Amino acid sequence: MPERLLIVDDEPDMLKLLSMVIGEKTDYEAVTTNNPVEALEMAKKGGFDLVITDLKMPGLDGIELLEAIKDINEDIPVIFITAYGTLESAVEAMQKGGFDFITKPFRKEQILFTIEKAMKMSRLQKENRELKERLKKSGG
């Protein structure tokens, strides 16, 4: 089963672009929504390995979405993409557990590199947790 990415952006063109780039260049399954509240409901159901979200969205901004996702599963990496990148918003996103912060416009190589980096880290964390559990069970 391919690893799944949840992409959240209120701009349909950005969703199409990211979905197309990920579909063409990776083996990941990209699930998109332009509604951050819907994204949160989808995240609660689980099954996502990474979230890519816009920072500024109506209803629920990217930081609020990050906090809610981290409450559900603190290990899911969250990558921010935004046209409104300020140093303050980048620092806040990272302090609250964001994986990376990319400003629009970005090059597709940049987003693909960041996705790959986040997925590697996520796999290592999962493997580490599983090894610790196995060690506990074996009495170590």
N, C-alpha and C. Protein backbone atom coordinates (compact mmCIF):
# COMPACT_ATOMS: atom_id res chain seq x y z
N MET A 1 0.85 -1.19 0.00
CA MET A 1 0.00 0.00 0.00
C MET A 1 0.89 1.25 0.00
N PRO A 2 0.65 2.16 -0.92
CA PRO A 2 1.51 3.36 -0.96
C PRO A 2 1.29 4.26 0.25
N GLU A 3 2.34 4.97 0.62
CA GLU A 3 2.21 5.94 1.70
C GLU A 3 1.33 7.08 1.19
N ARG A 4 0.55 7.67 2.12
CA ARG A 4 -0.46 8.66 1.73
C ARG A 4 -0.11 10.05 2.26
N LEU A 5 -0.30 11.04 1.38
CA LEU A 5 -0.07 12.43 1.73
C LEU A 5 -1.41 13.16 1.69
N LEU A 6 -1.65 13.99 2.70
CA LEU A 6 -2.84 14.84 2.72
C LEU A 6 -2.39 16.25 2.39
N ILE A 7 -2.97 16.81 1.33
CA ILE A 7 -2.60 18.15 0.88
C ILE A 7 -3.79 19.08 1.08
N VAL A 8 -3.56 20.19 1.79
CA VAL A 8 -4.63 21.13 2.13
C VAL A 8 -4.24 22.53 1.65
N ASP A 9 -5.05 23.09 0.77
CA ASP A 9 -4.81 24.45 0.28
C ASP A 9 -6.13 24.99 -0.22
N ASP A 10 -6.42 26.24 0.08
CA ASP A 10 -7.70 26.81 -0.36
C ASP A 10 -7.68 27.21 -1.84
N GLU A 11 -6.53 27.07 -2.50
CA GLU A 11 -6.43 27.36 -3.93
C GLU A 11 -6.48 26.06 -4.73
N PRO A 12 -7.57 25.81 -5.48
CA PRO A 12 -7.67 24.56 -6.25
C PRO A 12 -6.51 24.35 -7.22
N ASP A 13 -5.97 25.43 -7.81
CA ASP A 13 -4.85 25.29 -8.75
C ASP A 13 -3.60 24.73 -8.05
N MET A 14 -3.37 25.15 -6.81
CA MET A 14 -2.22 24.65 -6.06
C MET A 14 -2.40 23.17 -5.74
N LEU A 15 -3.63 22.78 -5.39
CA LEU A 15 -3.91 21.37 -5.12
C LEU A 15 -3.64 20.52 -6.36
N LYS A 16 -4.09 21.01 -7.52
CA LYS A 16 -3.87 20.29 -8.78
C LYS A 16 -2.39 20.16 -9.07
N LEU A 17 -1.66 21.25 -8.91
CA LEU A 17 -0.23 21.25 -9.18
C LEU A 17 0.51 20.26 -8.28
N LEU A 18 0.27 20.35 -6.99
CA LEU A 18 0.95 19.45 -6.05
C LEU A 18 0.58 18.00 -6.30
N SER A 19 -0.69 17.75 -6.53
CA SER A 19 -1.16 16.39 -6.80
C SER A 19 -0.49 15.83 -8.06
N MET A 20 -0.39 16.66 -9.09
CA MET A 20 0.22 16.24 -10.34
C MET A 20 1.72 15.94 -10.15
N VAL A 21 2.44 16.85 -9.49
CA VAL A 21 3.88 16.67 -9.27
C VAL A 21 4.13 15.40 -8.46
N ILE A 22 3.37 15.22 -7.39
CA ILE A 22 3.56 14.04 -6.53
C ILE A 22 3.19 12.76 -7.28
N GLY A 23 2.10 12.81 -8.05
CA GLY A 23 1.66 11.65 -8.83
C GLY A 23 2.67 11.24 -9.90
N GLU A 24 3.29 12.23 -10.54
CA GLU A 24 4.24 11.95 -11.62
C GLU A 24 5.62 11.53 -11.11
N LYS A 25 6.04 12.10 -9.99
CA LYS A 25 7.43 11.93 -9.56
C LYS A 25 7.64 11.01 -8.36
N THR A 26 6.56 10.53 -7.73
CA THR A 26 6.71 9.68 -6.54
C THR A 26 5.73 8.51 -6.61
N ASP A 27 5.87 7.60 -5.66
CA ASP A 27 4.93 6.48 -5.54
C ASP A 27 3.88 6.76 -4.48
N TYR A 28 3.85 7.98 -3.93
CA TYR A 28 2.91 8.31 -2.88
C TYR A 28 1.52 8.56 -3.45
N GLU A 29 0.52 8.31 -2.63
CA GLU A 29 -0.86 8.63 -2.99
C GLU A 29 -1.18 10.00 -2.40
N ALA A 30 -1.58 10.94 -3.23
CA ALA A 30 -1.91 12.29 -2.77
C ALA A 30 -3.42 12.44 -2.66
N VAL A 31 -3.88 12.83 -1.47
CA VAL A 31 -5.30 13.11 -1.23
C VAL A 31 -5.39 14.61 -0.98
N THR A 32 -6.30 15.29 -1.69
CA THR A 32 -6.35 16.75 -1.58
C THR A 32 -7.71 17.22 -1.09
N THR A 33 -7.69 18.38 -0.43
CA THR A 33 -8.92 19.08 -0.06
C THR A 33 -8.62 20.56 0.05
N ASN A 34 -9.61 21.38 -0.31
CA ASN A 34 -9.43 22.82 -0.16
C ASN A 34 -10.10 23.32 1.12
N ASN A 35 -10.55 22.38 1.96
CA ASN A 35 -11.26 22.72 3.18
C ASN A 35 -10.48 22.21 4.40
N PRO A 36 -9.87 23.11 5.19
CA PRO A 36 -9.06 22.66 6.32
C PRO A 36 -9.86 21.93 7.40
N VAL A 37 -11.15 22.24 7.54
CA VAL A 37 -11.98 21.53 8.52
C VAL A 37 -12.18 20.08 8.06
N GLU A 38 -12.42 19.90 6.76
CA GLU A 38 -12.54 18.56 6.19
C GLU A 38 -11.20 17.81 6.35
N ALA A 39 -10.11 18.51 6.13
CA ALA A 39 -8.79 17.89 6.28
C ALA A 39 -8.60 17.34 7.69
N LEU A 40 -9.05 18.08 8.67
CA LEU A 40 -8.94 17.64 10.05
C LEU A 40 -9.76 16.37 10.28
N GLU A 41 -10.96 16.33 9.72
CA GLU A 41 -11.80 15.12 9.84
C GLU A 41 -11.11 13.93 9.17
N MET A 42 -10.50 14.17 8.02
CA MET A 42 -9.78 13.10 7.31
C MET A 42 -8.60 12.63 8.14
N ALA A 43 -7.88 13.56 8.76
CA ALA A 43 -6.72 13.21 9.58
C ALA A 43 -7.14 12.38 10.79
N LYS A 44 -8.31 12.70 11.35
CA LYS A 44 -8.80 11.95 12.51
C LYS A 44 -9.05 10.48 12.16
N LYS A 45 -9.46 10.24 10.91
CA LYS A 45 -9.71 8.86 10.48
C LYS A 45 -8.40 8.10 10.28
N GLY A 46 -7.31 8.85 10.12
CA GLY A 46 -5.99 8.23 10.04
C GLY A 46 -5.61 7.80 8.64
N GLY A 47 -4.46 7.15 8.57
CA GLY A 47 -3.99 6.62 7.30
C GLY A 47 -3.09 7.55 6.51
N PHE A 48 -2.74 8.70 7.09
CA PHE A 48 -1.86 9.63 6.36
C PHE A 48 -0.46 9.60 6.98
N ASP A 49 0.54 9.70 6.10
CA ASP A 49 1.93 9.65 6.53
C ASP A 49 2.57 11.04 6.55
N LEU A 50 1.91 12.01 5.91
CA LEU A 50 2.47 13.36 5.80
C LEU A 50 1.34 14.32 5.46
N VAL A 51 1.43 15.54 5.98
CA VAL A 51 0.45 16.58 5.63
C VAL A 51 1.22 17.77 5.05
N ILE A 52 0.72 18.27 3.93
CA ILE A 52 1.22 19.51 3.33
C ILE A 52 0.07 20.49 3.42
N THR A 53 0.29 21.64 4.05
CA THR A 53 -0.80 22.59 4.22
C THR A 53 -0.36 24.02 3.92
N ASP A 54 -1.32 24.78 3.41
CA ASP A 54 -1.13 26.21 3.25
C ASP A 54 -1.16 26.83 4.64
N LEU A 55 -0.55 27.97 4.80
CA LEU A 55 -0.54 28.64 6.09
C LEU A 55 -1.81 29.46 6.29
N LYS A 56 -2.18 30.26 5.30
CA LYS A 56 -3.34 31.16 5.40
C LYS A 56 -4.53 30.55 4.66
N MET A 57 -5.54 30.15 5.44
CA MET A 57 -6.77 29.60 4.86
C MET A 57 -7.96 30.09 5.68
N PRO A 58 -9.10 30.26 5.05
CA PRO A 58 -10.28 30.67 5.81
C PRO A 58 -10.79 29.53 6.69
N GLY A 59 -11.30 29.88 7.85
CA GLY A 59 -11.88 28.89 8.75
C GLY A 59 -10.89 28.33 9.75
N LEU A 60 -9.82 27.76 9.26
CA LEU A 60 -8.81 27.13 10.11
C LEU A 60 -7.48 27.36 9.41
N ASP A 61 -6.56 28.08 10.06
CA ASP A 61 -5.29 28.32 9.37
C ASP A 61 -4.35 27.13 9.56
N GLY A 62 -3.24 27.17 8.86
CA GLY A 62 -2.30 26.06 8.88
C GLY A 62 -1.74 25.74 10.26
N ILE A 63 -1.49 26.77 11.07
CA ILE A 63 -0.96 26.56 12.43
C ILE A 63 -2.00 25.82 13.28
N GLU A 64 -3.27 26.24 13.19
CA GLU A 64 -4.33 25.57 13.95
C GLU A 64 -4.49 24.12 13.48
N LEU A 65 -4.38 23.91 12.18
CA LEU A 65 -4.46 22.55 11.63
C LEU A 65 -3.29 21.70 12.15
N LEU A 66 -2.10 22.28 12.14
CA LEU A 66 -0.91 21.59 12.68
C LEU A 66 -1.15 21.15 14.12
N GLU A 67 -1.62 22.06 14.96
CA GLU A 67 -1.84 21.74 16.37
C GLU A 67 -2.85 20.61 16.53
N ALA A 68 -3.92 20.65 15.75
CA ALA A 68 -4.95 19.61 15.83
C ALA A 68 -4.40 18.26 15.34
N ILE A 69 -3.61 18.28 14.27
CA ILE A 69 -3.03 17.03 13.74
C ILE A 69 -2.04 16.45 14.74
N LYS A 70 -1.24 17.30 15.37
CA LYS A 70 -0.27 16.82 16.36
C LYS A 70 -0.96 16.21 17.57
N ASP A 71 -2.19 16.69 17.89
CA ASP A 71 -2.98 16.09 18.97
C ASP A 71 -3.45 14.69 18.58
N ILE A 72 -3.70 14.48 17.30
CA ILE A 72 -4.15 13.18 16.79
C ILE A 72 -2.97 12.22 16.71
N ASN A 73 -1.89 12.67 16.07
CA ASN A 73 -0.70 11.83 15.91
C ASN A 73 0.52 12.74 15.82
N GLU A 74 1.29 12.80 16.89
CA GLU A 74 2.40 13.75 16.93
C GLU A 74 3.53 13.40 15.96
N ASP A 75 3.53 12.20 15.40
CA ASP A 75 4.61 11.78 14.51
C ASP A 75 4.40 12.15 13.05
N ILE A 76 3.21 12.63 12.69
CA ILE A 76 2.97 12.98 11.28
C ILE A 76 3.69 14.28 10.96
N PRO A 77 4.62 14.26 10.00
CA PRO A 77 5.28 15.51 9.62
C PRO A 77 4.31 16.42 8.88
N VAL A 78 4.41 17.72 9.16
CA VAL A 78 3.57 18.71 8.51
C VAL A 78 4.48 19.73 7.82
N ILE A 79 4.30 19.86 6.51
CA ILE A 79 5.07 20.82 5.71
C ILE A 79 4.14 21.98 5.37
N PHE A 80 4.62 23.20 5.59
CA PHE A 80 3.84 24.39 5.26
C PHE A 80 4.29 24.94 3.92
N ILE A 81 3.30 25.36 3.12
CA ILE A 81 3.61 26.12 1.90
C ILE A 81 2.78 27.39 1.98
N THR A 82 3.39 28.50 1.65
CA THR A 82 2.65 29.75 1.75
C THR A 82 3.23 30.83 0.86
N ALA A 83 2.34 31.71 0.41
CA ALA A 83 2.78 32.89 -0.34
C ALA A 83 3.05 34.04 0.62
N TYR A 84 2.66 33.85 1.88
CA TYR A 84 2.78 34.91 2.88
C TYR A 84 3.82 34.58 3.92
N GLY A 85 4.96 34.11 3.47
CA GLY A 85 5.98 33.66 4.41
C GLY A 85 6.69 34.81 5.09
N THR A 86 6.57 34.86 6.41
CA THR A 86 7.37 35.81 7.19
C THR A 86 8.24 34.99 8.11
N LEU A 87 9.29 35.58 8.58
CA LEU A 87 10.16 34.89 9.52
C LEU A 87 9.39 34.48 10.76
N GLU A 88 8.52 35.37 11.24
CA GLU A 88 7.74 35.09 12.45
C GLU A 88 6.83 33.88 12.26
N SER A 89 6.13 33.81 11.11
CA SER A 89 5.22 32.68 10.89
C SER A 89 6.01 31.39 10.71
N ALA A 90 7.17 31.46 10.07
CA ALA A 90 8.00 30.26 9.91
C ALA A 90 8.49 29.76 11.26
N VAL A 91 8.93 30.68 12.10
CA VAL A 91 9.42 30.30 13.44
C VAL A 91 8.28 29.69 14.25
N GLU A 92 7.10 30.31 14.22
CA GLU A 92 5.96 29.77 14.97
C GLU A 92 5.60 28.37 14.48
N ALA A 93 5.56 28.18 13.16
CA ALA A 93 5.23 26.87 12.60
C ALA A 93 6.22 25.81 13.05
N MET A 94 7.50 26.15 13.06
CA MET A 94 8.52 25.17 13.45
C MET A 94 8.48 24.90 14.95
N GLN A 95 8.25 25.94 15.74
CA GLN A 95 8.18 25.76 17.20
C GLN A 95 7.02 24.87 17.59
N LYS A 96 5.95 24.91 16.81
CA LYS A 96 4.77 24.10 17.13
C LYS A 96 4.84 22.71 16.53
N GLY A 97 5.96 22.38 15.92
CA GLY A 97 6.15 21.01 15.44
C GLY A 97 6.10 20.82 13.94
N GLY A 98 6.08 21.91 13.19
CA GLY A 98 6.10 21.79 11.73
C GLY A 98 7.44 21.22 11.27
N PHE A 99 7.41 20.49 10.16
CA PHE A 99 8.64 19.88 9.65
C PHE A 99 9.45 20.87 8.83
N ASP A 100 8.78 21.61 7.94
CA ASP A 100 9.48 22.57 7.10
C ASP A 100 8.50 23.62 6.61
N PHE A 101 9.05 24.69 6.05
CA PHE A 101 8.27 25.86 5.66
C PHE A 101 8.77 26.30 4.29
N ILE A 102 7.91 26.20 3.28
CA ILE A 102 8.31 26.52 1.90
C ILE A 102 7.46 27.70 1.40
N THR A 103 8.12 28.70 0.83
CA THR A 103 7.37 29.84 0.31
C THR A 103 7.07 29.66 -1.18
N LYS A 104 5.86 30.10 -1.56
CA LYS A 104 5.46 30.10 -2.97
C LYS A 104 6.03 31.34 -3.62
N PRO A 105 6.39 31.31 -4.86
CA PRO A 105 6.42 30.12 -5.70
C PRO A 105 7.63 29.25 -5.34
N PHE A 106 7.49 27.96 -5.50
CA PHE A 106 8.60 27.05 -5.21
C PHE A 106 8.87 26.21 -6.45
N ARG A 107 10.06 25.63 -6.48
CA ARG A 107 10.40 24.72 -7.57
C ARG A 107 9.94 23.33 -7.19
N LYS A 108 9.48 22.55 -8.18
CA LYS A 108 8.97 21.23 -7.83
C LYS A 108 10.04 20.35 -7.20
N GLU A 109 11.31 20.55 -7.57
CA GLU A 109 12.40 19.78 -6.95
C GLU A 109 12.46 20.07 -5.45
N GLN A 110 12.18 21.31 -5.09
CA GLN A 110 12.23 21.71 -3.68
C GLN A 110 11.15 20.99 -2.87
N ILE A 111 9.93 20.96 -3.38
CA ILE A 111 8.86 20.30 -2.63
C ILE A 111 9.09 18.79 -2.60
N LEU A 112 9.56 18.21 -3.70
CA LEU A 112 9.83 16.77 -3.72
C LEU A 112 10.94 16.40 -2.75
N PHE A 113 12.00 17.21 -2.69
CA PHE A 113 13.10 16.97 -1.76
C PHE A 113 12.60 17.03 -0.31
N THR A 114 11.78 18.03 -0.02
CA THR A 114 11.27 18.21 1.34
C THR A 114 10.34 17.06 1.74
N ILE A 115 9.50 16.63 0.81
CA ILE A 115 8.61 15.48 1.07
C ILE A 115 9.45 14.25 1.39
N GLU A 116 10.45 14.00 0.57
CA GLU A 116 11.29 12.81 0.76
C GLU A 116 12.01 12.86 2.11
N LYS A 117 12.52 14.02 2.45
CA LYS A 117 13.21 14.21 3.74
C LYS A 117 12.26 13.93 4.91
N ALA A 118 11.05 14.45 4.82
CA ALA A 118 10.06 14.26 5.88
C ALA A 118 9.65 12.79 5.99
N MET A 119 9.47 12.13 4.85
CA MET A 119 9.06 10.72 4.86
C MET A 119 10.16 9.84 5.45
N LYS A 120 11.41 10.14 5.12
CA LYS A 120 12.54 9.37 5.69
C LYS A 120 12.55 9.51 7.21
N MET A 121 12.39 10.74 7.69
CA MET A 121 12.39 10.97 9.13
C MET A 121 11.23 10.23 9.79
N SER A 122 10.07 10.27 9.16
CA SER A 122 8.88 9.61 9.69
C SER A 122 9.09 8.09 9.77
N ARG A 123 9.66 7.52 8.71
CA ARG A 123 9.93 6.07 8.71
C ARG A 123 10.92 5.70 9.82
N LEU A 124 11.95 6.51 10.01
CA LEU A 124 12.93 6.24 11.06
C LEU A 124 12.28 6.30 12.44
N GLN A 125 11.41 7.29 12.66
CA GLN A 125 10.73 7.40 13.95
C GLN A 125 9.85 6.18 14.21
N LYS A 126 9.13 5.75 13.18
CA LYS A 126 8.25 4.59 13.31
C LYS A 126 9.07 3.33 13.62
N GLU A 127 10.15 3.15 12.88
CA GLU A 127 11.03 1.99 13.09
C GLU A 127 11.62 2.02 14.49
N ASN A 128 12.05 3.17 14.94
CA ASN A 128 12.61 3.34 16.28
C ASN A 128 11.58 2.95 17.35
N ARG A 129 10.36 3.44 17.18
CA ARG A 129 9.30 3.13 18.14
C ARG A 129 9.02 1.62 18.17
N GLU A 130 8.96 1.00 16.99
CA GLU A 130 8.70 -0.44 16.92
C GLU A 130 9.82 -1.24 17.57
N LEU A 131 11.06 -0.82 17.35
CA LEU A 131 12.19 -1.51 17.98
C LEU A 131 12.16 -1.37 19.49
N LYS A 132 11.81 -0.19 19.98
CA LYS A 132 11.70 0.01 21.43
C LYS A 132 10.62 -0.89 22.02
N GLU A 133 9.48 -0.99 21.32
CA GLU A 133 8.39 -1.84 21.79
C GLU A 133 8.84 -3.30 21.83
N ARG A 134 9.53 -3.74 20.79
CA ARG A 134 10.03 -5.13 20.73
C ARG A 134 11.00 -5.38 21.87
N LEU A 135 11.85 -4.40 22.14
CA LEU A 135 12.82 -4.53 23.20
C LEU A 135 12.13 -4.65 24.57
N LYS A 136 11.10 -3.83 24.76
CA LYS A 136 10.32 -3.90 26.01
C LYS A 136 9.70 -5.27 26.21
N LYS A 137 9.11 -5.79 25.12
CA LYS A 137 8.42 -7.10 25.19
C LYS A 137 9.39 -8.24 25.46
N SER A 138 10.62 -8.09 24.98
CA SER A 138 11.59 -9.16 25.19
C SER A 138 12.30 -9.01 26.53
N GLY A 139 11.90 -8.03 27.30
CA GLY A 139 12.45 -7.88 28.65
C GLY A 139 13.74 -7.09 28.73
N GLY A 140 14.08 -6.38 27.66
CA GLY A 140 15.33 -5.63 27.62
C GLY A 140 15.15 -4.30 28.15
